[in-house]
Amino acid sequence: MNDYANAPDAVSELHKKGFSNDFQLSGNDLLWIQESISIRAGEFSILEYHKITRAKYNRNELVVFGILAPYHNIKGILIKHIKSDSDGIPPVLIKKLNELGILTGTGTN
């Protein structure tokens, strides 16, 4: 995980690494924006995540996730606003981060 001052810097770095698709969280699944396809929780992994440090001023954090969906042979980006005064990260993302040993608990590293 890296801290970035803004989302475009994080997205640009992920684009350089081949993360070229866009995702939106829909319950426990991801919506692959370009193809309007739902990707089930068991069909994707988080490879990277990055905090946007300047987003904390409004009690929210912005986190940029690098996602791999091998069944669909795609890599993409999920951008999520996370409230720092609540549980924060949605449970499906916590599970995915825990699977990689990236995250313990309910907050981001």
N, C-alpha and C. Protein backbone atom coordinates (compact mmCIF):
# COMPACT_ATOMS: atom_id res chain seq x y z
N MET A 1 0.83 -1.17 0.00
CA MET A 1 0.00 0.00 0.00
C MET A 1 0.88 1.24 0.00
N ASN A 2 0.49 2.21 -0.81
CA ASN A 2 1.15 3.51 -0.84
C ASN A 2 0.12 4.58 -0.51
N ASP A 3 0.59 5.66 0.06
CA ASP A 3 -0.25 6.83 0.27
C ASP A 3 0.01 7.82 -0.86
N TYR A 4 -1.06 8.31 -1.46
CA TYR A 4 -0.97 9.29 -2.53
C TYR A 4 -1.68 10.56 -2.10
N ALA A 5 -1.26 11.69 -2.67
CA ALA A 5 -1.89 12.97 -2.35
C ALA A 5 -3.23 13.14 -3.07
N ASN A 6 -3.40 12.44 -4.19
CA ASN A 6 -4.66 12.55 -4.93
C ASN A 6 -4.94 11.27 -5.70
N ALA A 7 -6.20 11.08 -6.04
CA ALA A 7 -6.63 9.86 -6.73
C ALA A 7 -6.02 9.73 -8.13
N PRO A 8 -5.91 10.81 -8.91
CA PRO A 8 -5.33 10.64 -10.25
C PRO A 8 -3.91 10.05 -10.23
N ASP A 9 -3.11 10.38 -9.22
CA ASP A 9 -1.77 9.80 -9.14
C ASP A 9 -1.83 8.30 -8.91
N ALA A 10 -2.71 7.86 -8.01
CA ALA A 10 -2.86 6.43 -7.73
C ALA A 10 -3.39 5.70 -8.96
N VAL A 11 -4.39 6.26 -9.60
CA VAL A 11 -4.98 5.65 -10.80
C VAL A 11 -3.94 5.57 -11.91
N SER A 12 -3.16 6.61 -12.09
CA SER A 12 -2.13 6.63 -13.12
C SER A 12 -1.11 5.51 -12.90
N GLU A 13 -0.69 5.33 -11.66
CA GLU A 13 0.26 4.25 -11.35
C GLU A 13 -0.34 2.88 -11.64
N LEU A 14 -1.61 2.70 -11.29
CA LEU A 14 -2.27 1.42 -11.57
C LEU A 14 -2.44 1.20 -13.08
N HIS A 15 -2.74 2.26 -13.82
CA HIS A 15 -2.84 2.13 -15.28
C HIS A 15 -1.51 1.65 -15.87
N LYS A 16 -0.40 2.17 -15.36
CA LYS A 16 0.92 1.74 -15.84
C LYS A 16 1.16 0.25 -15.59
N LYS A 17 0.48 -0.31 -14.59
CA LYS A 17 0.62 -1.72 -14.25
C LYS A 17 -0.44 -2.59 -14.93
N GLY A 18 -1.22 -2.01 -15.83
CA GLY A 18 -2.19 -2.78 -16.59
C GLY A 18 -3.60 -2.84 -16.02
N PHE A 19 -3.89 -2.06 -14.99
CA PHE A 19 -5.24 -2.01 -14.42
C PHE A 19 -6.04 -1.01 -15.26
N SER A 20 -6.71 -1.51 -16.29
CA SER A 20 -7.31 -0.60 -17.27
C SER A 20 -8.83 -0.59 -17.27
N ASN A 21 -9.47 -1.41 -16.44
CA ASN A 21 -10.93 -1.45 -16.38
C ASN A 21 -11.43 -0.77 -15.12
N ASP A 22 -12.72 -0.48 -15.10
CA ASP A 22 -13.33 0.21 -13.96
C ASP A 22 -14.35 -0.71 -13.30
N PHE A 23 -14.35 -0.69 -11.97
CA PHE A 23 -15.30 -1.48 -11.19
C PHE A 23 -16.08 -0.60 -10.24
N GLN A 24 -17.27 -1.06 -9.92
CA GLN A 24 -18.11 -0.42 -8.90
C GLN A 24 -18.60 -1.53 -7.98
N LEU A 25 -18.58 -1.28 -6.68
CA LEU A 25 -19.06 -2.27 -5.72
C LEU A 25 -20.58 -2.31 -5.74
N SER A 26 -21.12 -3.52 -5.82
CA SER A 26 -22.57 -3.73 -5.83
C SER A 26 -22.87 -4.88 -4.88
N GLY A 27 -23.15 -4.54 -3.61
CA GLY A 27 -23.31 -5.58 -2.59
C GLY A 27 -21.97 -6.27 -2.35
N ASN A 28 -21.92 -7.59 -2.51
CA ASN A 28 -20.67 -8.33 -2.39
C ASN A 28 -20.00 -8.57 -3.73
N ASP A 29 -20.59 -8.09 -4.79
CA ASP A 29 -20.06 -8.29 -6.13
C ASP A 29 -19.49 -6.99 -6.68
N LEU A 30 -18.76 -7.13 -7.77
CA LEU A 30 -18.27 -5.97 -8.50
C LEU A 30 -19.03 -5.87 -9.82
N LEU A 31 -19.31 -4.65 -10.22
CA LEU A 31 -19.85 -4.41 -11.54
C LEU A 31 -18.70 -3.95 -12.42
N TRP A 32 -18.43 -4.69 -13.48
CA TRP A 32 -17.42 -4.31 -14.46
C TRP A 32 -18.09 -3.29 -15.37
N ILE A 33 -17.72 -2.05 -15.23
CA ILE A 33 -18.41 -0.93 -15.87
C ILE A 33 -18.40 -1.04 -17.39
N GLN A 34 -17.25 -1.30 -17.98
CA GLN A 34 -17.14 -1.31 -19.45
C GLN A 34 -18.05 -2.35 -20.11
N GLU A 35 -18.26 -3.48 -19.46
CA GLU A 35 -19.04 -4.56 -20.07
C GLU A 35 -20.39 -4.79 -19.39
N SER A 36 -20.68 -4.04 -18.33
CA SER A 36 -21.91 -4.21 -17.55
C SER A 36 -22.10 -5.66 -17.10
N ILE A 37 -21.01 -6.24 -16.60
CA ILE A 37 -21.02 -7.63 -16.14
C ILE A 37 -20.78 -7.64 -14.64
N SER A 38 -21.56 -8.45 -13.92
CA SER A 38 -21.38 -8.62 -12.49
C SER A 38 -20.32 -9.70 -12.24
N ILE A 39 -19.37 -9.38 -11.37
CA ILE A 39 -18.31 -10.32 -11.02
C ILE A 39 -18.49 -10.70 -9.56
N ARG A 40 -18.73 -11.97 -9.32
CA ARG A 40 -19.01 -12.48 -7.98
C ARG A 40 -17.78 -12.36 -7.08
N ALA A 41 -18.02 -12.33 -5.78
CA ALA A 41 -16.95 -12.16 -4.80
C ALA A 41 -15.86 -13.22 -4.93
N GLY A 42 -16.21 -14.43 -5.30
CA GLY A 42 -15.22 -15.49 -5.45
C GLY A 42 -14.42 -15.42 -6.73
N GLU A 43 -14.75 -14.47 -7.61
CA GLU A 43 -14.10 -14.36 -8.91
C GLU A 43 -13.12 -13.19 -9.01
N PHE A 44 -12.85 -12.52 -7.90
CA PHE A 44 -11.88 -11.42 -7.96
C PHE A 44 -11.01 -11.39 -6.72
N SER A 45 -9.86 -10.76 -6.88
CA SER A 45 -8.92 -10.58 -5.78
C SER A 45 -8.42 -9.14 -5.78
N ILE A 46 -8.06 -8.66 -4.62
CA ILE A 46 -7.41 -7.35 -4.51
C ILE A 46 -5.91 -7.59 -4.56
N LEU A 47 -5.24 -6.94 -5.51
CA LEU A 47 -3.79 -7.06 -5.62
C LEU A 47 -3.09 -5.90 -4.93
N GLU A 48 -3.71 -4.72 -4.94
CA GLU A 48 -3.13 -3.52 -4.35
C GLU A 48 -4.23 -2.65 -3.78
N TYR A 49 -3.87 -1.85 -2.78
CA TYR A 49 -4.78 -0.78 -2.37
C TYR A 49 -3.97 0.39 -1.89
N HIS A 50 -4.50 1.59 -2.13
CA HIS A 50 -3.76 2.82 -1.86
C HIS A 50 -4.68 3.85 -1.22
N LYS A 51 -4.22 4.45 -0.13
CA LYS A 51 -4.97 5.52 0.52
C LYS A 51 -4.66 6.85 -0.15
N ILE A 52 -5.68 7.69 -0.21
CA ILE A 52 -5.50 9.05 -0.70
C ILE A 52 -5.48 9.94 0.54
N THR A 53 -4.33 10.46 0.87
CA THR A 53 -4.13 11.14 2.15
C THR A 53 -4.91 12.44 2.28
N ARG A 54 -5.10 13.16 1.22
CA ARG A 54 -5.80 14.45 1.32
C ARG A 54 -7.31 14.29 1.48
N ALA A 55 -7.82 13.11 1.29
CA ALA A 55 -9.27 12.89 1.39
C ALA A 55 -9.74 12.84 2.84
N LYS A 56 -8.84 12.87 3.81
CA LYS A 56 -9.21 12.72 5.21
C LYS A 56 -9.82 13.98 5.81
N TYR A 57 -9.72 15.10 5.14
CA TYR A 57 -10.19 16.37 5.73
C TYR A 57 -11.68 16.37 6.02
N ASN A 58 -12.46 15.57 5.31
CA ASN A 58 -13.90 15.58 5.52
C ASN A 58 -14.38 14.31 6.24
N ARG A 59 -13.52 13.70 7.05
CA ARG A 59 -13.82 12.50 7.83
C ARG A 59 -14.07 11.28 6.96
N ASN A 60 -13.71 11.38 5.70
CA ASN A 60 -13.77 10.24 4.79
C ASN A 60 -12.38 9.97 4.26
N GLU A 61 -12.11 8.73 3.94
CA GLU A 61 -10.89 8.38 3.26
C GLU A 61 -11.27 7.90 1.87
N LEU A 62 -10.39 8.12 0.95
CA LEU A 62 -10.56 7.59 -0.39
C LEU A 62 -9.53 6.49 -0.54
N VAL A 63 -9.97 5.31 -0.97
CA VAL A 63 -9.06 4.19 -1.17
C VAL A 63 -9.22 3.72 -2.61
N VAL A 64 -8.08 3.50 -3.27
CA VAL A 64 -8.06 3.03 -4.64
C VAL A 64 -7.54 1.59 -4.62
N PHE A 65 -8.36 0.67 -5.14
CA PHE A 65 -8.03 -0.75 -5.14
C PHE A 65 -7.63 -1.20 -6.54
N GLY A 66 -6.57 -1.99 -6.64
CA GLY A 66 -6.20 -2.68 -7.87
C GLY A 66 -6.77 -4.08 -7.81
N ILE A 67 -7.66 -4.41 -8.72
CA ILE A 67 -8.44 -5.65 -8.70
C ILE A 67 -8.05 -6.55 -9.86
N LEU A 68 -7.96 -7.86 -9.59
CA LEU A 68 -7.75 -8.87 -10.61
C LEU A 68 -8.97 -9.78 -10.65
N ALA A 69 -9.52 -9.97 -11.84
CA ALA A 69 -10.62 -10.92 -12.06
C ALA A 69 -10.13 -11.93 -13.10
N PRO A 70 -9.43 -12.99 -12.64
CA PRO A 70 -8.78 -13.90 -13.59
C PRO A 70 -9.75 -14.66 -14.50
N TYR A 71 -10.94 -14.98 -14.03
CA TYR A 71 -11.91 -15.69 -14.86
C TYR A 71 -12.27 -14.88 -16.11
N HIS A 72 -12.31 -13.56 -15.94
CA HIS A 72 -12.63 -12.66 -17.05
C HIS A 72 -11.37 -12.12 -17.72
N ASN A 73 -10.20 -12.49 -17.18
CA ASN A 73 -8.90 -12.07 -17.71
C ASN A 73 -8.77 -10.55 -17.76
N ILE A 74 -9.14 -9.89 -16.64
CA ILE A 74 -9.06 -8.43 -16.59
C ILE A 74 -8.46 -7.96 -15.27
N LYS A 75 -7.87 -6.78 -15.34
CA LYS A 75 -7.41 -6.05 -14.16
C LYS A 75 -8.07 -4.69 -14.21
N GLY A 76 -8.49 -4.20 -13.05
CA GLY A 76 -9.17 -2.92 -13.05
C GLY A 76 -9.06 -2.21 -11.72
N ILE A 77 -9.78 -1.12 -11.62
CA ILE A 77 -9.68 -0.20 -10.48
C ILE A 77 -11.05 0.00 -9.85
N LEU A 78 -11.07 -0.06 -8.53
CA LEU A 78 -12.25 0.28 -7.74
C LEU A 78 -11.85 1.43 -6.82
N ILE A 79 -12.61 2.51 -6.85
CA ILE A 79 -12.36 3.65 -5.96
C ILE A 79 -13.51 3.69 -4.96
N LYS A 80 -13.17 3.73 -3.68
CA LYS A 80 -14.19 3.65 -2.63
C LYS A 80 -13.95 4.74 -1.59
N HIS A 81 -14.99 5.51 -1.30
CA HIS A 81 -14.97 6.45 -0.18
C HIS A 81 -15.32 5.66 1.07
N ILE A 82 -14.53 5.83 2.12
CA ILE A 82 -14.73 5.08 3.35
C ILE A 82 -14.85 6.05 4.50
N LYS A 83 -15.93 5.95 5.25
CA LYS A 83 -16.11 6.80 6.42
C LYS A 83 -15.20 6.32 7.53
N SER A 84 -14.37 7.22 8.04
CA SER A 84 -13.39 6.83 9.05
C SER A 84 -13.99 6.68 10.44
N ASP A 85 -15.22 7.17 10.65
CA ASP A 85 -15.82 7.07 11.98
C ASP A 85 -16.79 5.90 12.11
N SER A 86 -16.84 5.03 11.11
CA SER A 86 -17.69 3.84 11.18
C SER A 86 -16.82 2.61 10.94
N ASP A 87 -17.44 1.50 10.66
CA ASP A 87 -16.68 0.30 10.36
C ASP A 87 -15.85 0.47 9.10
N GLY A 88 -16.22 1.39 8.24
CA GLY A 88 -15.39 1.75 7.11
C GLY A 88 -15.52 0.85 5.91
N ILE A 89 -14.57 -0.03 5.73
CA ILE A 89 -14.49 -0.85 4.53
C ILE A 89 -15.62 -1.89 4.52
N PRO A 90 -16.31 -2.05 3.38
CA PRO A 90 -17.36 -3.07 3.28
C PRO A 90 -16.80 -4.47 3.58
N PRO A 91 -17.62 -5.34 4.17
CA PRO A 91 -17.16 -6.67 4.58
C PRO A 91 -16.50 -7.49 3.48
N VAL A 92 -17.00 -7.43 2.25
CA VAL A 92 -16.40 -8.22 1.18
C VAL A 92 -14.97 -7.76 0.90
N LEU A 93 -14.71 -6.46 1.00
CA LEU A 93 -13.36 -5.96 0.77
C LEU A 93 -12.45 -6.31 1.95
N ILE A 94 -12.98 -6.28 3.16
CA ILE A 94 -12.19 -6.70 4.33
C ILE A 94 -11.77 -8.15 4.16
N LYS A 95 -12.70 -9.00 3.74
CA LYS A 95 -12.38 -10.42 3.54
C LYS A 95 -11.28 -10.57 2.50
N LYS A 96 -11.38 -9.86 1.40
CA LYS A 96 -10.38 -9.96 0.34
C LYS A 96 -9.02 -9.48 0.81
N LEU A 97 -8.98 -8.39 1.58
CA LEU A 97 -7.71 -7.89 2.10
C LEU A 97 -7.12 -8.86 3.14
N ASN A 98 -7.97 -9.44 3.96
CA ASN A 98 -7.50 -10.42 4.95
C ASN A 98 -6.94 -11.66 4.28
N GLU A 99 -7.51 -12.08 3.16
CA GLU A 99 -7.01 -13.24 2.44
C GLU A 99 -5.56 -13.05 2.02
N LEU A 100 -5.18 -11.82 1.75
CA LEU A 100 -3.81 -11.52 1.36
C LEU A 100 -2.92 -11.13 2.54
N GLY A 101 -3.50 -11.08 3.73
CA GLY A 101 -2.74 -10.66 4.90
C GLY A 101 -2.44 -9.18 4.90
N ILE A 102 -3.19 -8.41 4.11
CA ILE A 102 -2.98 -6.97 4.00
C ILE A 102 -3.64 -6.22 5.14
N LEU A 103 -4.74 -6.73 5.63
CA LEU A 103 -5.57 -5.98 6.57
C LEU A 103 -5.98 -6.88 7.71
N THR A 104 -5.97 -6.34 8.91
CA THR A 104 -6.55 -7.01 10.06
C THR A 104 -7.46 -6.03 10.74
N GLY A 105 -8.60 -6.45 11.20
CA GLY A 105 -9.57 -5.53 11.81
C GLY A 105 -10.44 -4.91 10.75
N THR A 106 -11.00 -3.72 11.04
CA THR A 106 -11.93 -3.09 10.11
C THR A 106 -11.43 -1.79 9.53
N GLY A 107 -10.27 -1.31 9.91
CA GLY A 107 -9.74 -0.09 9.33
C GLY A 107 -8.66 -0.41 8.31
N THR A 108 -8.23 0.58 7.56
CA THR A 108 -7.17 0.36 6.59
C THR A 108 -5.82 0.52 7.27
N ASN A 109 -4.80 -0.10 6.67
CA ASN A 109 -3.44 0.02 7.19
C ASN A 109 -2.86 1.37 6.87
